[in-house]
């Protein structure tokens, strides 16, 4: 048996479609980090959904908290803006699950209803099906992933549809969140400077726009490349400030 886990915080925009796609699973565990919109009202409409509430400790640790509250050892981790296709659900149900294997599937990422195939958004394969007795998510606050040491990785063919951004406001909100988590995670562990922030930002933009062919994506390709560049810039600029604060606080 498989338990589905989903982290939520003000996730009402896509949650109804997300949960409808998972209606054939007997347990969908939602771990909510303080939603103030209709997220929990939507979740309560589905009889297979179990709601738990708790703090957000960074993405990796929070995923592990959620998996620990699930009924079954096999965990399918789905984001609150990911809609599993019927083909993926059927493929998962036909698996002969192996304890030494984790399973990945591709994501089709959308912006304003458009499937984005540039900027590193495609192919975008993620490992999300695993047995919690044998592995878990890393404890990283951001850019977390399921640990694969000593495990086999089996690629599934079917996909989820991912709707991470609908507006420019969504890009800015996520940039703030991810850059702050990156700075907190690497404070005192990684060096930074305004120059390093500038170099990382410029490199991220050109890598996305040229090497990963964002230029083929028109406006969306440019916007996503600019977002990648700005996020890298502010990640390292925030880390620079966090390191300076840490040095001052440690002075006698």
Protein backbone atom coordinates (compact mmCIF):
# COMPACT_ATOMS: atom_id res chain seq x y z
CA UNK A 1 0.00 0.00 0.00
CA UNK A 2 1.10 3.56 -0.77
CA UNK A 3 0.46 6.73 1.22
CA UNK A 4 0.56 10.03 -0.64
CA UNK A 5 2.02 13.01 1.24
CA UNK A 6 1.50 16.66 0.34
CA UNK A 7 2.88 19.77 2.05
CA UNK A 8 0.48 22.71 1.98
CA UNK A 9 0.41 26.36 2.93
CA UNK A 10 -2.21 28.50 1.21
CA UNK A 11 -2.36 25.98 -1.62
CA UNK A 12 -6.01 26.37 -2.63
CA UNK A 13 -5.29 27.40 -6.23
CA UNK A 14 -4.62 23.88 -7.56
CA UNK A 15 -5.46 21.61 -4.64
CA UNK A 16 -8.86 20.44 -5.83
CA UNK A 17 -7.39 19.10 -9.09
CA UNK A 18 -4.39 17.66 -7.23
CA UNK A 19 -6.61 15.68 -4.85
CA UNK A 20 -9.05 14.57 -7.54
CA UNK A 21 -6.15 12.98 -9.41
CA UNK A 22 -5.21 11.07 -6.24
CA UNK A 23 -8.69 9.89 -5.32
CA UNK A 24 -7.86 6.21 -5.94
CA UNK A 25 -5.24 6.16 -3.15
CA UNK A 26 -6.66 5.13 0.21
CA UNK A 27 -4.55 7.65 2.16
CA UNK A 28 -3.50 11.12 1.14
CA UNK A 29 -1.82 12.85 4.07
CA UNK A 30 -1.77 16.64 3.98
CA UNK A 31 0.77 18.28 6.27
CA UNK A 32 -0.33 21.90 6.56
CA UNK A 33 1.93 24.74 7.66
CA UNK A 34 -0.68 27.30 8.68
CA UNK A 35 -2.95 27.90 5.69
CA UNK A 36 -5.30 30.87 5.93
CA UNK A 37 -7.06 30.40 2.60
CA UNK A 38 -9.46 27.61 1.55
CA UNK A 39 -6.79 24.89 1.52
CA UNK A 40 -8.15 22.89 4.46
CA UNK A 41 -11.78 23.35 3.40
CA UNK A 42 -10.91 21.81 0.03
CA UNK A 43 -8.97 18.97 1.65
CA UNK A 44 -11.91 18.06 3.92
CA UNK A 45 -14.11 17.37 0.87
CA UNK A 46 -12.09 14.25 0.05
CA UNK A 47 -12.78 11.16 2.21
CA UNK A 48 -9.31 9.68 1.61
CA UNK A 49 -7.51 12.79 2.90
CA UNK A 50 -6.02 12.96 6.38
CA UNK A 51 -4.95 16.40 7.65
CA UNK A 52 -2.03 17.03 10.00
CA UNK A 53 -0.82 20.46 11.07
CA UNK A 54 2.66 21.45 12.09
CA UNK A 55 5.58 23.84 11.61
CA UNK A 56 7.61 24.33 8.46
CA UNK A 57 11.25 23.41 9.19
CA UNK A 58 12.57 23.67 5.65
CA UNK A 59 11.43 21.46 2.78
CA UNK A 60 13.53 18.38 3.51
CA UNK A 61 12.77 18.06 7.21
CA UNK A 62 9.11 18.85 6.68
CA UNK A 63 8.76 16.17 4.02
CA UNK A 64 10.24 13.70 6.49
CA UNK A 65 7.85 14.82 9.22
CA UNK A 66 4.93 14.24 6.86
CA UNK A 67 6.13 10.79 5.78
CA UNK A 68 6.52 9.79 9.43
CA UNK A 69 2.84 10.53 10.03
CA UNK A 70 1.64 8.40 7.12
CA UNK A 71 0.05 5.00 7.61
CA UNK A 72 2.08 3.09 5.02
CA UNK A 73 5.82 2.72 4.48
CA UNK A 74 5.65 3.35 0.74
CA UNK A 75 5.47 7.11 0.24
CA UNK A 76 4.46 8.99 -2.90
CA UNK A 77 5.40 12.63 -2.37
CA UNK A 78 3.38 15.07 -4.47
CA UNK A 79 3.60 18.87 -4.37
CA UNK A 80 0.45 20.90 -3.89
CA UNK A 81 0.78 22.28 -7.43
CA UNK A 82 1.39 18.93 -9.15
CA UNK A 83 -1.45 17.06 -10.86
CA UNK A 84 -0.72 13.37 -11.43
CA UNK A 85 -1.89 12.14 -14.80
CA UNK A 86 -4.16 9.10 -14.97
CA UNK A 87 -1.36 7.34 -16.84
CA UNK A 88 1.06 7.92 -13.96
CA UNK A 89 -1.41 6.68 -11.35
CA UNK A 90 -2.03 3.53 -13.41
CA UNK A 91 1.69 2.97 -13.92
CA UNK A 92 2.35 3.27 -10.19
CA UNK A 93 -0.47 0.87 -9.38
CA UNK A 94 1.01 -1.77 -11.69
CA UNK A 95 4.47 -1.64 -10.13
CA UNK A 96 5.99 -4.55 -8.30
CA UNK A 97 7.53 -2.34 -5.64
CA UNK A 98 11.05 -3.24 -4.61
CA UNK A 99 12.48 -2.18 -1.22
CA UNK A 100 15.88 -1.38 -2.72
CA UNK A 101 14.44 0.85 -5.43
CA UNK A 102 13.23 4.44 -5.60
CA UNK A 103 11.08 5.61 -8.51
CA UNK A 104 11.27 8.77 -10.57
CA UNK A 105 8.89 10.36 -13.02
CA UNK A 106 9.05 13.38 -15.34
CA UNK A 107 7.30 16.68 -14.69
CA UNK A 108 5.72 18.80 -17.39
CA UNK A 109 6.08 22.35 -16.08
CA UNK A 110 3.56 25.01 -17.08
CA UNK A 111 3.46 28.78 -16.93
CA UNK A 112 0.09 30.44 -17.54
CA UNK A 113 -1.14 27.25 -19.20
CA UNK A 114 1.87 26.90 -21.50
CA UNK A 115 4.11 23.84 -21.30
CA UNK A 116 7.67 25.14 -20.92
CA UNK A 117 10.32 23.02 -22.64
CA UNK A 118 13.27 25.38 -22.22
CA UNK A 119 15.37 26.90 -19.41
CA UNK A 120 15.98 23.50 -17.83
CA UNK A 121 12.26 22.99 -17.18
CA UNK A 122 12.18 19.95 -19.48
CA UNK A 123 13.03 17.20 -19.07
CA UNK A 124 12.55 17.54 -15.32
CA UNK A 125 12.68 14.14 -13.65
CA UNK A 126 12.09 13.88 -9.89
CA UNK A 127 12.36 10.97 -7.44
CA UNK A 128 9.17 10.86 -5.38
CA UNK A 129 8.20 7.24 -4.69
CA UNK A 130 10.22 5.49 -1.99
CA UNK A 131 10.02 3.27 1.07
CA UNK A 132 10.58 5.27 4.26
CA UNK A 133 12.24 2.30 5.99
CA UNK A 134 15.09 2.37 3.48
CA UNK A 135 15.51 6.03 2.60
CA UNK A 136 14.17 9.54 3.18
CA UNK A 137 14.46 13.10 1.99
CA UNK A 138 17.65 15.00 2.74
CA UNK A 139 17.35 17.60 5.49
CA UNK A 140 18.11 20.45 3.08
CA UNK A 141 15.92 23.51 3.61
CA UNK A 142 15.63 23.98 -0.16
CA UNK A 143 16.47 21.85 -3.22
CA UNK A 144 15.82 18.77 -1.16
CA UNK A 145 15.65 15.30 -2.69
CA UNK A 146 15.20 11.65 -1.82
CA UNK A 147 18.47 9.98 -0.86
CA UNK A 148 19.59 7.38 -3.38
CA UNK A 149 22.81 6.00 -1.86
CA UNK A 150 22.75 2.22 -2.15
CA UNK A 151 19.42 2.32 -4.00
CA UNK A 152 18.43 1.62 -7.56
CA UNK A 153 16.55 4.36 -9.40
CA UNK A 154 13.75 3.14 -11.66
CA UNK A 155 12.41 5.69 -14.18
CA UNK A 156 8.67 5.73 -14.76
CA UNK A 157 7.42 6.89 -18.15
CA UNK A 158 4.26 8.79 -17.22
CA UNK A 159 4.31 12.33 -15.89
CA UNK A 160 2.81 14.85 -13.50
CA UNK A 161 1.66 18.26 -14.64
CA UNK A 162 3.32 20.96 -12.56
CA UNK A 163 1.88 24.48 -12.20
CA UNK A 164 4.48 26.37 -10.14
CA UNK A 165 3.80 29.92 -11.40
CA UNK A 166 0.82 31.77 -12.81
CA UNK A 167 1.99 35.37 -12.57
CA UNK A 168 5.15 37.44 -12.14
CA UNK A 169 4.07 37.90 -8.51
CA UNK A 170 4.47 34.13 -8.03
CA UNK A 171 8.05 34.32 -9.30
CA UNK A 172 8.88 37.12 -6.88
CA UNK A 173 7.27 35.36 -3.93
CA UNK A 174 9.12 32.12 -4.56
CA UNK A 175 12.38 33.99 -5.15
CA UNK A 176 12.07 35.55 -1.70
CA UNK A 177 11.33 32.23 -0.04
CA UNK A 178 13.99 30.16 -1.80
CA UNK A 179 16.77 32.74 -1.52
CA UNK A 180 16.12 33.17 2.21
CA UNK A 181 16.13 29.40 2.79
CA UNK A 182 19.37 29.06 0.81
CA UNK A 183 21.04 31.77 2.92
CA UNK A 184 19.87 30.19 6.17
CA UNK A 185 21.02 26.75 5.07
CA UNK A 186 24.51 27.89 4.05
CA UNK A 187 25.16 30.53 6.70
CA UNK A 188 28.70 30.08 8.00
CA UNK A 189 29.29 27.15 5.64
CA UNK A 190 29.79 28.86 2.30
CA UNK A 191 31.54 32.14 1.50
CA UNK A 192 29.87 34.89 -0.50
CA UNK A 193 30.31 38.51 -1.55
CA UNK A 194 28.48 41.08 -3.69
CA UNK A 195 30.83 40.20 -6.56
CA UNK A 196 30.14 36.49 -6.17
CA UNK A 197 26.40 37.23 -6.14
CA UNK A 198 26.73 39.20 -9.37
CA UNK A 199 28.74 36.46 -11.08
CA UNK A 200 26.32 33.72 -10.00
CA UNK A 201 23.33 35.80 -11.11
CA UNK A 202 24.77 36.56 -14.54
CA UNK A 203 25.89 32.96 -15.04
CA UNK A 204 22.46 31.60 -14.09
CA UNK A 205 20.71 33.92 -16.56
CA UNK A 206 22.96 33.11 -19.52
CA UNK A 207 22.99 29.40 -18.73
CA UNK A 208 19.20 29.38 -18.76
CA UNK A 209 18.77 31.70 -21.75
CA UNK A 210 21.52 30.38 -24.03
CA UNK A 211 22.73 26.93 -22.98
CA UNK A 212 19.27 25.71 -21.95
CA UNK A 213 17.69 27.49 -24.93
CA UNK A 214 15.42 29.90 -23.12
CA UNK A 215 15.65 32.14 -26.18
CA UNK A 216 13.41 29.67 -28.00
CA UNK A 217 10.65 30.30 -25.48
CA UNK A 218 9.94 33.91 -26.36
CA UNK A 219 8.62 36.02 -23.50
CA UNK A 220 8.28 33.04 -21.15
CA UNK A 221 11.83 31.89 -21.86
CA UNK A 222 13.21 35.34 -21.12
CA UNK A 223 11.11 35.73 -17.97
CA UNK A 224 12.16 32.37 -16.53
CA UNK A 225 15.81 33.01 -17.37
CA UNK A 226 15.63 36.41 -15.67
CA UNK A 227 14.00 34.77 -12.65
CA UNK A 228 16.79 32.20 -12.47
CA UNK A 229 19.39 34.95 -12.65
CA UNK A 230 17.75 37.13 -10.01
CA UNK A 231 17.22 34.18 -7.68
CA UNK A 232 20.90 33.22 -7.87
CA UNK A 233 21.93 36.85 -7.32
CA UNK A 234 19.78 37.33 -4.23
CA UNK A 235 20.66 33.88 -2.84
CA UNK A 236 24.32 34.85 -2.63
CA UNK A 237 23.65 38.43 -1.61
CA UNK A 238 21.48 37.26 1.29
CA UNK A 239 24.13 34.70 2.21
CA UNK A 240 26.73 37.49 2.24
CA UNK A 241 24.60 39.47 4.70
CA UNK A 242 23.87 36.38 6.82
CA UNK A 243 27.60 35.64 7.08
CA UNK A 244 28.35 39.22 8.11
CA UNK A 245 25.66 39.06 10.81
CA UNK A 246 27.09 35.76 12.01
CA UNK A 247 30.60 37.24 12.29
CA UNK A 248 29.35 40.23 14.27
CA UNK A 249 27.30 38.09 16.63
CA UNK A 250 30.34 35.87 17.34
CA UNK A 251 32.63 38.78 18.19
CA UNK A 252 33.52 39.02 21.89
